Amino acid sequence: MTDIASHSPQEDLERIIEGAHKEYKDSSAVPEKYRKHLKSRLLFLWAAESIEPTRKNQRSIRQANWRNNKAHEAYSKVQDTSQHLLCVFISAISPTACYGPNFPKDLQRFLQTFDKNKFKLDLDTKEEKFFDSVAIEGRFKKDPRYINFLSGLFPKSCTISFWLLSGLIEMQDIIPSRGNKKTQI
């Protein structure tokens, strides 16, 4: 597993992301070894619920929430940069890695030099079903962050879905009835 938390300090963020990106590109799908991590981290990112501290566990819960906030912050910065990068990044970089002492600076440097034009995933449209199943499980299918993520990865299929969800078009506008020749989108 290519995960920054399990590598020596000499390996840098760029190398890990490039390796994971290559694996995605070689398969045109979410590589099997990343599927479980991707699912749990998408749920962590968009469906996370904070744990209410009790008197007994207050300190450990505060620490966990602090770590979770650091990971959320890092993942959100990546999403603001590129949906394609988020998919690879969240697969390869654990939440634990996001609160290392040098991680914020390393991430900032990486994002400043990141070239969106050279970093595209060409995922098979079957993968959209995987992401939708995670979104349904996490109850974030209508979350704008998820919609942006999915439409970034699958722009053609998501355009119509987004228009339908937002009420900009209706199903009869897409599928012409017999005898009525409406232009399909």
Protein backbone atom coordinates (compact mmCIF):
# COMPACT_ATOMS: atom_id res chain seq x y z
CA MET A 1 0.00 0.00 0.00
CA THR A 2 1.37 3.38 -0.98
CA ASP A 3 0.61 5.43 2.09
CA ILE A 4 2.70 8.30 3.36
CA ALA A 5 2.34 7.19 6.99
CA SER A 6 4.05 3.89 6.24
CA HIS A 7 7.01 5.29 4.27
CA SER A 8 10.36 6.60 5.36
CA PRO A 9 10.70 10.36 5.84
CA GLN A 10 12.84 10.56 2.69
CA GLU A 11 9.91 9.80 0.42
CA ASP A 12 7.95 12.86 -0.46
CA LEU A 13 4.35 13.61 -1.17
CA GLU A 14 4.89 14.15 -4.88
CA ARG A 15 6.41 10.71 -5.39
CA ILE A 16 3.55 8.98 -3.57
CA ILE A 17 0.90 10.86 -5.53
CA GLU A 18 2.65 10.23 -8.85
CA GLY A 19 2.85 6.50 -8.08
CA ALA A 20 -0.83 6.29 -7.17
CA HIS A 21 -1.77 8.40 -10.22
CA LYS A 22 0.09 5.97 -12.48
CA GLU A 23 -1.81 3.04 -10.98
CA TYR A 24 -5.13 4.81 -11.64
CA LYS A 25 -4.15 5.64 -15.22
CA ASP A 26 -2.95 2.10 -15.94
CA SER A 27 -6.27 0.60 -14.92
CA SER A 28 -8.85 3.31 -15.90
CA ALA A 29 -10.52 2.37 -12.64
CA VAL A 30 -10.05 2.71 -8.92
CA PRO A 31 -7.24 0.23 -8.29
CA GLU A 32 -8.46 -2.62 -6.10
CA LYS A 33 -5.85 -1.94 -3.43
CA TYR A 34 -7.21 1.62 -2.99
CA ARG A 35 -10.95 0.88 -3.17
CA LYS A 36 -11.44 0.17 0.55
CA HIS A 37 -9.37 3.20 1.62
CA LEU A 38 -11.09 5.47 -0.87
CA LYS A 39 -14.52 4.45 0.39
CA SER A 40 -13.69 4.90 4.07
CA ARG A 41 -11.95 8.23 3.45
CA LEU A 42 -14.79 9.63 1.34
CA LEU A 43 -17.15 8.67 4.17
CA PHE A 44 -14.72 10.30 6.61
CA LEU A 45 -14.56 13.47 4.52
CA TRP A 46 -18.22 14.02 3.74
CA ALA A 47 -20.24 11.91 6.16
CA ALA A 48 -18.18 12.32 9.31
CA GLU A 49 -20.02 12.94 12.53
CA SER A 50 -18.16 14.34 15.48
CA ILE A 51 -18.10 12.32 18.66
CA GLU A 52 -19.53 14.01 21.71
CA PRO A 53 -17.05 13.96 24.58
CA THR A 54 -18.04 12.58 27.97
CA ARG A 55 -16.22 13.35 31.17
CA LYS A 56 -14.41 10.01 30.94
CA ASN A 57 -13.17 10.29 27.34
CA GLN A 58 -13.00 14.07 26.93
CA ARG A 59 -9.25 14.34 26.31
CA SER A 60 -9.02 11.50 23.78
CA ILE A 61 -12.08 12.77 21.90
CA ARG A 62 -10.62 16.30 21.71
CA GLN A 63 -7.38 14.86 20.32
CA ALA A 64 -9.25 12.73 17.79
CA ASN A 65 -11.32 15.71 16.68
CA TRP A 66 -8.15 17.80 16.32
CA ARG A 67 -6.56 15.10 14.12
CA ASN A 68 -9.75 14.72 12.10
CA ASN A 69 -9.93 18.48 11.56
CA LYS A 70 -6.34 18.50 10.25
CA ALA A 71 -7.18 15.74 7.78
CA HIS A 72 -10.42 17.46 6.70
CA GLU A 73 -8.49 20.67 6.15
CA ALA A 74 -5.87 18.93 4.01
CA TYR A 75 -8.42 16.98 1.95
CA SER A 76 -10.49 20.14 1.41
CA LYS A 77 -7.45 22.08 0.16
CA VAL A 78 -6.76 19.28 -2.29
CA GLN A 79 -10.38 19.28 -3.49
CA ASP A 80 -10.22 23.04 -4.01
CA THR A 81 -7.26 22.38 -6.33
CA SER A 82 -8.52 19.43 -8.39
CA GLN A 83 -11.21 16.76 -8.19
CA HIS A 84 -8.90 14.34 -10.01
CA LEU A 85 -6.14 14.99 -7.49
CA LEU A 86 -8.56 14.49 -4.59
CA CYS A 87 -9.48 11.03 -5.86
CA VAL A 88 -5.84 9.93 -5.98
CA PHE A 89 -4.74 11.85 -2.89
CA ILE A 90 -7.48 10.55 -0.61
CA SER A 91 -6.72 7.01 -1.82
CA ALA A 92 -2.99 7.20 -1.08
CA ILE A 93 -2.70 9.62 1.85
CA SER A 94 -4.18 8.57 5.17
CA PRO A 95 -5.81 11.00 7.59
CA THR A 96 -3.02 10.12 10.04
CA ALA A 97 -0.41 11.42 7.60
CA CYS A 98 -2.19 14.78 7.38
CA TYR A 99 -1.27 15.87 10.89
CA GLY A 100 2.45 15.24 10.70
CA PRO A 101 4.53 18.25 11.80
CA ASN A 102 5.76 19.11 8.28
CA PHE A 103 2.72 17.97 6.36
CA PRO A 104 0.94 21.35 5.98
CA LYS A 105 4.08 22.94 4.50
CA ASP A 106 4.74 19.92 2.25
CA LEU A 107 1.15 19.97 1.04
CA GLN A 108 1.25 23.71 0.37
CA ARG A 109 4.44 23.37 -1.69
CA PHE A 110 3.00 20.43 -3.58
CA LEU A 111 -0.24 22.26 -4.40
CA GLN A 112 1.64 25.38 -5.53
CA THR A 113 3.57 23.39 -8.13
CA PHE A 114 0.72 21.05 -9.07
CA ASP A 115 -0.28 21.16 -12.77
CA LYS A 116 -3.98 20.38 -13.26
CA ASN A 117 -3.54 20.02 -17.01
CA LYS A 118 -1.14 17.10 -16.65
CA PHE A 119 -3.14 15.34 -13.96
CA LYS A 120 -6.33 13.85 -15.34
CA LEU A 121 -7.97 10.55 -14.62
CA ASP A 122 -9.86 8.77 -17.35
CA LEU A 123 -11.99 6.52 -15.21
CA ASP A 124 -14.43 4.08 -16.73
CA THR A 125 -18.00 5.29 -16.24
CA LYS A 126 -18.70 2.09 -14.27
CA GLU A 127 -16.69 3.67 -11.46
CA GLU A 128 -19.38 6.32 -11.11
CA LYS A 129 -21.60 3.61 -9.59
CA PHE A 130 -18.95 2.92 -6.96
CA PHE A 131 -18.85 6.60 -5.95
CA ASP A 132 -22.66 6.81 -5.94
CA SER A 133 -22.93 3.76 -3.69
CA VAL A 134 -20.53 5.38 -1.22
CA ALA A 135 -22.50 8.65 -1.39
CA ILE A 136 -25.77 6.84 -0.75
CA GLU A 137 -24.27 4.96 2.21
CA GLY A 138 -22.86 8.20 3.64
CA ARG A 139 -26.00 10.21 2.81
CA PHE A 140 -24.05 12.90 0.95
CA LYS A 141 -25.27 12.32 -2.63
CA LYS A 142 -26.72 15.85 -2.84
CA ASP A 143 -23.80 17.53 -1.06
CA PRO A 144 -22.35 20.21 -3.38
CA ARG A 145 -18.81 19.05 -2.57
CA TYR A 146 -19.67 15.53 -3.72
CA ILE A 147 -21.47 16.80 -6.83
CA ASN A 148 -18.39 18.89 -7.72
CA PHE A 149 -16.16 15.87 -7.15
CA LEU A 150 -18.26 13.57 -9.31
CA SER A 151 -18.80 16.10 -12.08
CA GLY A 152 -15.06 16.75 -12.15
CA LEU A 153 -14.33 13.06 -12.63
CA PHE A 154 -17.25 12.30 -14.97
CA PRO A 155 -18.18 15.59 -16.65
CA LYS A 156 -20.33 14.13 -19.44
CA SER A 157 -22.57 11.87 -17.38
CA CYS A 158 -22.81 14.23 -14.43
CA THR A 159 -23.96 17.26 -16.38
CA ILE A 160 -27.39 15.78 -17.02
CA SER A 161 -27.62 14.32 -13.50
CA PHE A 162 -26.75 17.70 -12.01
CA TRP A 163 -29.31 19.48 -14.13
CA LEU A 164 -31.96 16.97 -13.10
CA LEU A 165 -31.05 17.22 -9.40
CA SER A 166 -31.05 20.99 -9.44
CA GLY A 167 -34.33 21.21 -11.35
CA LEU A 168 -32.81 23.00 -14.35
CA ILE A 169 -34.25 20.39 -16.72
CA GLU A 170 -36.84 17.66 -16.48
CA MET A 171 -36.70 14.09 -17.70
CA GLN A 172 -39.15 14.76 -20.56
CA ASP A 173 -36.69 17.37 -21.89
CA ILE A 174 -34.06 14.64 -22.28
CA ILE A 175 -36.12 11.70 -23.51
CA PRO A 176 -38.42 12.67 -26.37
CA SER A 177 -41.83 11.05 -26.46
CA ARG A 178 -43.05 9.30 -29.61
CA GLY A 179 -44.08 11.78 -32.21
CA ASN A 180 -42.38 14.65 -30.41
CA LYS A 181 -38.86 15.31 -31.71
CA LYS A 182 -37.16 17.30 -28.98
CA THR A 183 -33.44 17.71 -29.26
CA GLN A 184 -31.54 15.49 -26.88
CA ILE A 185 -28.85 17.07 -24.75
